[in-house]
C-alpha cells in the first residue's frame, strides 16, 4: 500500500541507503512488528508518520529547552508570555 507508515519508512531508507537496504530494513521492521504481536501479545498501533532527522532535532531542542526552563524555575511571566483564562 502506498499511503502507510511502512511505505513512508521504505521511501526514507530508499533515499538514504538505496533499494536493497530499504527492502531489507522494511522486511525486518515488519518481522519485528509481527514478532511483538505474537510473542508479547501487543496490539499493533501504527505510528502516524516517521519524523525526518531535522524534525527529530527540532523536537529534541524543544524538549531540552523545556527541561532548562523547568530547571531554572522560570515562569511564563518571566519570559513575557501572558496567558488569559476564559
PDB file of N, CA and C in Angstrom:
ATOM      1  N   UNK A   1       0.846  -1.169   0.000  1.00  0.00           N
ATOM      2  CA  UNK A   1       0.000   0.000   0.000  1.00  0.00           C
ATOM      3  C   UNK A   1       0.899   1.243   0.000  1.00  0.00           C
ATOM      4  N   UNK A   2       0.451   2.258  -0.688  1.00  0.00           N
ATOM      5  CA  UNK A   2       1.302   3.432  -0.877  1.00  0.00           C
ATOM      6  C   UNK A   2       1.208   4.443   0.251  1.00  0.00           C
ATOM      7  N   UNK A   3       0.090   4.543   0.908  1.00  0.00           N
ATOM      8  CA  UNK A   3      -0.087   5.600   1.918  1.00  0.00           C
ATOM      9  C   UNK A   3      -0.088   5.032   3.332  1.00  0.00           C
ATOM     10  N   UNK A   4       0.945   4.291   3.666  1.00  0.00           N
ATOM     11  CA  UNK A   4       1.066   3.730   5.007  1.00  0.00           C
ATOM     12  C   UNK A   4       2.384   4.178   5.621  1.00  0.00           C
ATOM     13  N   UNK A   5       2.498   3.962   6.909  1.00  0.00           N
ATOM     14  CA  UNK A   5       3.746   4.352   7.569  1.00  0.00           C
ATOM     15  C   UNK A   5       4.920   3.492   7.119  1.00  0.00           C
ATOM     16  N   UNK A   6       4.664   2.230   6.757  1.00  0.00           N
ATOM     17  CA  UNK A   6       5.750   1.383   6.263  1.00  0.00           C
ATOM     18  C   UNK A   6       6.242   1.863   4.902  1.00  0.00           C
ATOM     19  N   UNK A   7       5.337   2.373   4.077  1.00  0.00           N
ATOM     20  CA  UNK A   7       5.746   2.925   2.787  1.00  0.00           C
ATOM     21  C   UNK A   7       6.584   4.186   2.996  1.00  0.00           C
ATOM     22  N   UNK A   8       6.199   5.000   3.972  1.00  0.00           N
ATOM     23  CA  UNK A   8       6.994   6.189   4.294  1.00  0.00           C
ATOM     24  C   UNK A   8       8.381   5.792   4.780  1.00  0.00           C
ATOM     25  N   UNK A   9       8.437   4.763   5.631  1.00  0.00           N
ATOM     26  CA  UNK A   9       9.710   4.260   6.132  1.00  0.00           C
ATOM     27  C   UNK A   9      10.571   3.756   4.973  1.00  0.00           C
ATOM     28  N   UNK A  10       9.952   3.001   4.068  1.00  0.00           N
ATOM     29  CA  UNK A  10      10.666   2.464   2.910  1.00  0.00           C
ATOM     30  C   UNK A  10      11.260   3.594   2.075  1.00  0.00           C
ATOM     31  N   UNK A  11      10.466   4.628   1.791  1.00  0.00           N
ATOM     32  CA  UNK A  11      10.948   5.743   0.984  1.00  0.00           C
ATOM     33  C   UNK A  11      12.087   6.497   1.675  1.00  0.00           C
ATOM     34  N   UNK A  12      12.007   6.621   2.998  1.00  0.00           N
ATOM     35  CA  UNK A  12      13.050   7.312   3.746  1.00  0.00           C
ATOM     36  C   UNK A  12      14.374   6.549   3.651  1.00  0.00           C
ATOM     37  N   UNK A  13      14.312   5.231   3.838  1.00  0.00           N
ATOM     38  CA  UNK A  13      15.533   4.414   3.756  1.00  0.00           C
ATOM     39  C   UNK A  13      16.020   4.347   2.309  1.00  0.00           C
ATOM     40  N   UNK A  14      15.090   4.273   1.372  1.00  0.00           N
ATOM     41  CA  UNK A  14      15.449   4.233  -0.047  1.00  0.00           C
ATOM     42  C   UNK A  14      16.245   5.464  -0.435  1.00  0.00           C
ATOM     43  N   UNK A  15      15.834   6.610   0.038  1.00  0.00           N
ATOM     44  CA  UNK A  15      16.529   7.861  -0.272  1.00  0.00           C
ATOM     45  C   UNK A  15      17.941   7.872   0.306  1.00  0.00           C
ATOM     46  N   UNK A  16      18.095   7.362   1.516  1.00  0.00           N
ATOM     47  CA  UNK A  16      19.396   7.420   2.183  1.00  0.00           C
ATOM     48  C   UNK A  16      20.341   6.298   1.777  1.00  0.00           C
ATOM     49  N   UNK A  17      19.814   5.055   1.666  1.00  0.00           N
ATOM     50  CA  UNK A  17      20.695   3.889   1.540  1.00  0.00           C
ATOM     51  C   UNK A  17      20.557   3.105   0.241  1.00  0.00           C
ATOM     52  N   UNK A  18      19.467   3.286  -0.484  1.00  0.00           N
ATOM     53  CA  UNK A  18      19.278   2.524  -1.711  1.00  0.00           C
ATOM     54  C   UNK A  18      18.198   1.466  -1.571  1.00  0.00           C
ATOM     55  N   UNK A  19      17.823   0.883  -2.717  1.00  0.00           N
ATOM     56  CA  UNK A  19      16.687  -0.034  -2.771  1.00  0.00           C
ATOM     57  C   UNK A  19      16.910  -1.321  -1.975  1.00  0.00           C
ATOM     58  N   UNK A  20      18.075  -1.917  -2.091  1.00  0.00           N
ATOM     59  CA  UNK A  20      18.346  -3.183  -1.407  1.00  0.00           C
ATOM     60  C   UNK A  20      18.249  -3.022   0.106  1.00  0.00           C
ATOM     61  N   UNK A  21      18.856  -1.983   0.620  1.00  0.00           N
ATOM     62  CA  UNK A  21      18.809  -1.735   2.061  1.00  0.00           C
ATOM     63  C   UNK A  21      17.398  -1.393   2.510  1.00  0.00           C
ATOM     64  N   UNK A  22      16.636  -0.683   1.671  1.00  0.00           N
ATOM     65  CA  UNK A  22      15.268  -0.316   2.025  1.00  0.00           C
ATOM     66  C   UNK A  22      14.372  -1.544   2.114  1.00  0.00           C
ATOM     67  N   UNK A  23      14.523  -2.458   1.174  1.00  0.00           N
ATOM     68  CA  UNK A  23      13.727  -3.690   1.210  1.00  0.00           C
ATOM     69  C   UNK A  23      14.075  -4.505   2.448  1.00  0.00           C
ATOM     70  N   UNK A  24      15.366  -4.632   2.737  1.00  0.00           N
ATOM     71  CA  UNK A  24      15.814  -5.398   3.897  1.00  0.00           C
ATOM     72  C   UNK A  24      15.338  -4.764   5.205  1.00  0.00           C
ATOM     73  N   UNK A  25      15.467  -3.456   5.321  1.00  0.00           N
ATOM     74  CA  UNK A  25      15.075  -2.767   6.551  1.00  0.00           C
ATOM     75  C   UNK A  25      13.562  -2.840   6.769  1.00  0.00           C
ATOM     76  N   UNK A  26      12.798  -2.702   5.698  1.00  0.00           N
ATOM     77  CA  UNK A  26      11.335  -2.768   5.813  1.00  0.00           C
ATOM     78  C   UNK A  26      10.894  -4.178   6.172  1.00  0.00           C
ATOM     79  N   UNK A  27      11.534  -5.192   5.590  1.00  0.00           N
ATOM     80  CA  UNK A  27      11.199  -6.583   5.928  1.00  0.00           C
ATOM     81  C   UNK A  27      11.508  -6.871   7.390  1.00  0.00           C
ATOM     82  N   UNK A  28      12.635  -6.367   7.867  1.00  0.00           N
ATOM     83  CA  UNK A  28      12.993  -6.570   9.275  1.00  0.00           C
ATOM     84  C   UNK A  28      12.002  -5.871  10.189  1.00  0.00           C
ATOM     85  N   UNK A  29      11.619  -4.652   9.837  1.00  0.00           N
ATOM     86  CA  UNK A  29      10.649  -3.915  10.644  1.00  0.00           C
ATOM     87  C   UNK A  29       9.322  -4.671  10.704  1.00  0.00           C
ATOM     88  N   UNK A  30       8.892  -5.211   9.577  1.00  0.00           N
ATOM     89  CA  UNK A  30       7.649  -5.977   9.541  1.00  0.00           C
ATOM     90  C   UNK A  30       7.768  -7.247  10.386  1.00  0.00           C
ATOM     91  N   UNK A  31       8.920  -7.912  10.341  1.00  0.00           N
ATOM     92  CA  UNK A  31       9.138  -9.110  11.155  1.00  0.00           C
ATOM     93  C   UNK A  31       9.095  -8.782  12.642  1.00  0.00           C
ATOM     94  N   UNK A  32       9.682  -7.652  13.037  1.00  0.00           N
ATOM     95  CA  UNK A  32       9.662  -7.244  14.447  1.00  0.00           C
ATOM     96  C   UNK A  32       8.241  -6.927  14.891  1.00  0.00           C
ATOM     97  N   UNK A  33       7.477  -6.278  14.043  1.00  0.00           N
ATOM     98  CA  UNK A  33       6.083  -5.959  14.367  1.00  0.00           C
ATOM     99  C   UNK A  33       5.287  -7.244  14.599  1.00  0.00           C
ATOM    100  N   UNK A  34       5.438  -8.190  13.693  1.00  0.00           N
ATOM    101  CA  UNK A  34       4.707  -9.467  13.813  1.00  0.00           C
ATOM    102  C   UNK A  34       5.176 -10.234  15.048  1.00  0.00           C
ATOM    103  N   UNK A  35       6.486 -10.256  15.305  1.00  0.00           N
ATOM    104  CA  UNK A  35       7.011 -10.947  16.485  1.00  0.00           C
ATOM    105  C   UNK A  35       6.434 -10.359  17.768  1.00  0.00           C
ATOM    106  N   UNK A  36       6.391  -9.025  17.862  1.00  0.00           N
ATOM    107  CA  UNK A  36       5.831  -8.383  19.053  1.00  0.00           C
ATOM    108  C   UNK A  36       4.354  -8.703  19.220  1.00  0.00           C
ATOM    109  N   UNK A  37       3.634  -8.802  18.128  1.00  0.00           N
ATOM    110  CA  UNK A  37       2.208  -9.126  18.210  1.00  0.00           C
ATOM    111  C   UNK A  37       1.997 -10.559  18.701  1.00  0.00           C
ATOM    112  N   UNK A  38       2.830 -11.484  18.231  1.00  0.00           N
ATOM    113  CA  UNK A  38       2.641 -12.897  18.584  1.00  0.00           C
ATOM    114  C   UNK A  38       3.227 -13.216  19.960  1.00  0.00           C
ATOM    115  N   UNK A  39       4.484 -12.890  20.174  1.00  0.00           N
ATOM    116  CA  UNK A  39       5.179 -13.287  21.397  1.00  0.00           C
ATOM    117  C   UNK A  39       4.748 -12.437  22.590  1.00  0.00           C
ATOM    118  N   UNK A  40       4.756 -11.125  22.423  1.00  0.00           N
ATOM    119  CA  UNK A  40       4.426 -10.242  23.537  1.00  0.00           C
ATOM    120  C   UNK A  40       2.942  -9.939  23.651  1.00  0.00           C
ATOM    121  N   UNK A  41       2.176 -10.409  22.675  1.00  0.00           N
ATOM    122  CA  UNK A  41       0.724 -10.202  22.637  1.00  0.00           C
ATOM    123  C   UNK A  41       0.367  -8.712  22.737  1.00  0.00           C
ATOM    124  N   UNK A  42       1.132  -7.899  22.024  1.00  0.00           N
ATOM    125  CA  UNK A  42       0.883  -6.465  21.991  1.00  0.00           C
ATOM    126  C   UNK A  42       0.036  -6.140  20.764  1.00  0.00           C
ATOM    127  N   UNK A  43      -0.988  -5.327  20.926  1.00  0.00           N
ATOM    128  CA  UNK A  43      -1.742  -4.909  19.733  1.00  0.00           C
ATOM    129  C   UNK A  43      -0.875  -3.988  18.882  1.00  0.00           C
ATOM    130  N   UNK A  44      -1.135  -4.007  17.603  1.00  0.00           N
ATOM    131  CA  UNK A  44      -0.332  -3.187  16.700  1.00  0.00           C
ATOM    132  C   UNK A  44      -0.922  -1.787  16.611  1.00  0.00           C
ATOM    133  N   UNK A  45      -0.137  -0.798  16.992  1.00  0.00           N
ATOM    134  CA  UNK A  45      -0.538   0.602  16.913  1.00  0.00           C
ATOM    135  C   UNK A  45       0.421   1.312  15.970  1.00  0.00           C
ATOM    136  N   UNK A  46       0.038   1.471  14.702  1.00  0.00           N
ATOM    137  CA  UNK A  46       0.966   2.097  13.763  1.00  0.00           C
ATOM    138  C   UNK A  46       1.162   3.574  14.060  1.00  0.00           C
ATOM    139  N   UNK A  47       2.375   4.061  13.896  1.00  0.00           N
ATOM    140  CA  UNK A  47       2.603   5.499  14.064  1.00  0.00           C
ATOM    141  C   UNK A  47       1.952   6.258  12.919  1.00  0.00           C
ATOM    142  N   UNK A  48       1.644   7.519  13.159  1.00  0.00           N
ATOM    143  CA  UNK A  48       1.015   8.308  12.108  1.00  0.00           C
ATOM    144  C   UNK A  48       1.996   8.623  11.000  1.00  0.00           C
ATOM    145  N   UNK A  49       3.234   8.914  11.362  1.00  0.00           N
ATOM    146  CA  UNK A  49       4.268   9.189  10.370  1.00  0.00           C
ATOM    147  C   UNK A  49       5.642   9.050  11.009  1.00  0.00           C
ATOM    148  N   UNK A  50       6.642   8.895  10.177  1.00  0.00           N
ATOM    149  CA  UNK A  50       8.010   8.858  10.666  1.00  0.00           C
ATOM    150  C   UNK A  50       8.604  10.243  10.519  1.00  0.00           C
ATOM    151  N   UNK A  51       9.282  10.694  11.553  1.00  0.00           N
ATOM    152  CA  UNK A  51       9.901  12.014  11.518  1.00  0.00           C
ATOM    153  C   UNK A  51      11.257  11.934  10.831  1.00  0.00           C
ATOM    154  N   UNK A  52      11.565  12.925  10.049  1.00  0.00           N
ATOM    155  CA  UNK A  52      12.861  13.003   9.428  1.00  0.00           C
ATOM    156  C   UNK A  52      13.848  13.597  10.424  1.00  0.00           C
ATOM    157  N   UNK A  53      15.112  13.534  10.106  1.00  0.00           N
ATOM    158  CA  UNK A  53      16.168  13.893  11.045  1.00  0.00           C
ATOM    159  C   UNK A  53      16.048  15.334  11.530  1.00  0.00           C
ATOM    160  N   UNK A  54      15.729  16.273  10.637  1.00  0.00           N
ATOM    161  CA  UNK A  54      15.617  17.668  11.065  1.00  0.00           C
ATOM    162  C   UNK A  54      14.432  17.859  12.012  1.00  0.00           C
ATOM    163  N   UNK A  55      13.351  17.108  11.799  1.00  0.00           N
ATOM    164  CA  UNK A  55      12.202  17.189  12.698  1.00  0.00           C
ATOM    165  C   UNK A  55      12.554  16.614  14.069  1.00  0.00           C
ATOM    166  N   UNK A  56      13.333  15.531  14.081  1.00  0.00           N
ATOM    167  CA  UNK A  56      13.755  14.935  15.346  1.00  0.00           C
ATOM    168  C   UNK A  56      14.649  15.901  16.122  1.00  0.00           C
ATOM    169  N   UNK A  57      15.521  16.605  15.413  1.00  0.00           N
ATOM    170  CA  UNK A  57      16.402  17.571  16.069  1.00  0.00           C
ATOM    171  C   UNK A  57      15.601  18.709  16.688  1.00  0.00           C
ATOM    172  N   UNK A  58      14.584  19.186  15.964  1.00  0.00           N
ATOM    173  CA  UNK A  58      13.742  20.261  16.491  1.00  0.00           C
ATOM    174  C   UNK A  58      13.001  19.799  17.739  1.00  0.00           C
ATOM    175  N   UNK A  59      12.463  18.578  17.707  1.00  0.00           N
ATOM    176  CA  UNK A  59      11.742  18.046  18.869  1.00  0.00           C
ATOM    177  C   UNK A  59      12.688  17.906  20.055  1.00  0.00           C
ATOM    178  N   UNK A  60      13.922  17.452  19.809  1.00  0.00           N
ATOM    179  CA  UNK A  60      14.908  17.326  20.877  1.00  0.00           C
ATOM    180  C   UNK A  60      15.293  18.679  21.455  1.00  0.00           C
ATOM    181  N   UNK A  61      15.427  19.678  20.598  1.00  0.00           N
ATOM    182  CA  UNK A  61      15.759  21.020  21.057  1.00  0.00           C
ATOM    183  C   UNK A  61      14.641  21.592  21.926  1.00  0.00           C
ATOM    184  N   UNK A  62      13.414  21.384  21.522  1.00  0.00           N
ATOM    185  CA  UNK A  62      12.273  21.857  22.315  1.00  0.00           C
ATOM    186  C   UNK A  62      12.240  21.164  23.670  1.00  0.00           C
ATOM    187  N   UNK A  63      12.485  19.857  23.676  1.00  0.00           N
ATOM    188  CA  UNK A  63      12.497  19.100  24.929  1.00  0.00           C
ATOM    189  C   UNK A  63      13.595  19.612  25.861  1.00  0.00           C
ATOM    190  N   UNK A  64      14.777  19.889  25.287  1.00  0.00           N
ATOM    191  CA  UNK A  64      15.893  20.392  26.079  1.00  0.00           C
ATOM    192  C   UNK A  64      15.573  21.775  26.657  1.00  0.00           C
ATOM    193  N   UNK A  65      14.932  22.631  25.851  1.00  0.00           N
ATOM    194  CA  UNK A  65      14.584  23.968  26.317  1.00  0.00           C
ATOM    195  C   UNK A  65      13.558  23.913  27.448  1.00  0.00           C
ATOM    196  N   UNK A  66      12.578  23.017  27.319  1.00  0.00           N
ATOM    197  CA  UNK A  66      11.575  22.861  28.379  1.00  0.00           C
ATOM    198  C   UNK A  66      12.226  22.392  29.673  1.00  0.00           C
ATOM    199  N   UNK A  67      13.192  21.494  29.543  1.00  0.00           N
ATOM    200  CA  UNK A  67      13.902  20.989  30.718  1.00  0.00           C
ATOM    201  C   UNK A  67      14.693  22.108  31.390  1.00  0.00           C
ATOM    202  N   UNK A  68      15.349  22.949  30.585  1.00  0.00           N
ATOM    203  CA  UNK A  68      16.110  24.074  31.124  1.00  0.00           C
ATOM    204  C   UNK A  68      15.186  25.066  31.832  1.00  0.00           C
ATOM    205  N   UNK A  69      14.028  25.338  31.219  1.00  0.00           N
ATOM    206  CA  UNK A  69      13.069  26.258  31.838  1.00  0.00           C
ATOM    207  C   UNK A  69      12.607  25.714  33.181  1.00  0.00           C
ATOM    208  N   UNK A  70      12.329  24.410  33.233  1.00  0.00           N
ATOM    209  CA  UNK A  70      11.923  23.784  34.493  1.00  0.00           C
ATOM    210  C   UNK A  70      13.038  23.784  35.523  1.00  0.00           C
ATOM    211  N   UNK A  71      14.256  23.606  35.068  1.00  0.00           N
ATOM    212  CA  UNK A  71      15.418  23.559  35.958  1.00  0.00           C
ATOM    213  C   UNK A  71      15.633  24.903  36.651  1.00  0.00           C
ATOM    214  N   UNK A  72      15.470  25.976  35.920  1.00  0.00           N
ATOM    215  CA  UNK A  72      15.680  27.299  36.476  1.00  0.00           C
ATOM    216  C   UNK A  72      14.413  27.916  37.048  1.00  0.00           C
ATOM    217  N   UNK A  73      13.323  27.146  37.037  1.00  0.00           N
ATOM    218  CA  UNK A  73      12.037  27.579  37.578  1.00  0.00           C
ATOM    219  C   UNK A  73      11.595  28.922  36.993  1.00  0.00           C
ATOM    220  N   UNK A  74      11.694  29.022  35.698  1.00  0.00           N
ATOM    221  CA  UNK A  74      11.284  30.233  35.002  1.00  0.00           C
ATOM    222  C   UNK A  74       9.781  30.148  34.729  1.00  0.00           C
ATOM    223  N   UNK A  75       9.073  31.212  35.030  1.00  0.00           N
ATOM    224  CA  UNK A  75       7.629  31.240  34.791  1.00  0.00           C
ATOM    225  C   UNK A  75       7.347  31.921  33.456  1.00  0.00           C
ATOM    226  N   UNK A  76       6.110  31.787  32.991  1.00  0.00           N
ATOM    227  CA  UNK A  76       5.738  32.408  31.726  1.00  0.00           C
ATOM    228  C   UNK A  76       5.797  33.935  31.826  1.00  0.00           C
ATOM    229  N   UNK A  77       5.574  34.468  33.018  1.00  0.00           N
ATOM    230  CA  UNK A  77       5.674  35.918  33.196  1.00  0.00           C
ATOM    231  C   UNK A  77       7.121  36.384  33.028  1.00  0.00           C
ATOM    232  N   UNK A  78       8.076  35.567  33.477  1.00  0.00           N
ATOM    233  CA  UNK A  78       9.491  35.902  33.312  1.00  0.00           C
ATOM    234  C   UNK A  78       9.880  35.966  31.839  1.00  0.00           C
ATOM    235  N   UNK A  79       9.231  35.119  31.042  1.00  0.00           N
ATOM    236  CA  UNK A  79       9.513  35.088  29.614  1.00  0.00           C
ATOM    237  C   UNK A  79       8.742  36.137  28.830  1.00  0.00           C
ATOM    238  N   UNK A  80       7.792  36.791  29.506  1.00  0.00           N
ATOM    239  CA  UNK A  80       6.993  37.806  28.818  1.00  0.00           C
ATOM    240  C   UNK A  80       5.785  37.232  28.117  1.00  0.00           C
ATOM    241  N   UNK A  81       5.405  36.006  28.469  1.00  0.00           N
ATOM    242  CA  UNK A  81       4.243  35.368  27.867  1.00  0.00           C
ATOM    243  C   UNK A  81       3.067  35.550  28.809  1.00  0.00           C
ATOM    244  N   UNK A  82       2.030  36.162  28.300  1.00  0.00           N
ATOM    245  CA  UNK A  82       0.836  36.401  29.112  1.00  0.00           C
ATOM    246  C   UNK A  82      -0.250  35.446  28.637  1.00  0.00           C
ATOM    247  N   UNK A  83      -0.786  34.678  29.563  1.00  0.00           N
ATOM    248  CA  UNK A  83      -1.862  33.763  29.220  1.00  0.00           C
ATOM    249  C   UNK A  83      -3.152  34.298  29.834  1.00  0.00           C
ATOM    250  N   UNK A  84      -4.208  34.133  29.084  1.00  0.00           N
ATOM    251  CA  UNK A  84      -5.516  34.562  29.583  1.00  0.00           C
ATOM    252  C   UNK A  84      -6.395  33.333  29.711  1.00  0.00           C
ATOM    253  N   UNK A  85      -7.072  33.246  30.804  1.00  0.00           N
ATOM    254  CA  UNK A  85      -8.007  32.141  31.034  1.00  0.00           C
ATOM    255  C   UNK A  85      -9.422  32.666  30.918  1.00  0.00           C
ATOM    256  N   UNK A  86     -10.196  32.020  30.105  1.00  0.00           N
ATOM    257  CA  UNK A  86     -11.585  32.453  29.933  1.00  0.00           C
ATOM    258  C   UNK A  86     -12.505  31.603  30.738  1.00  0.00           C
TER     259      UNK A  86
END
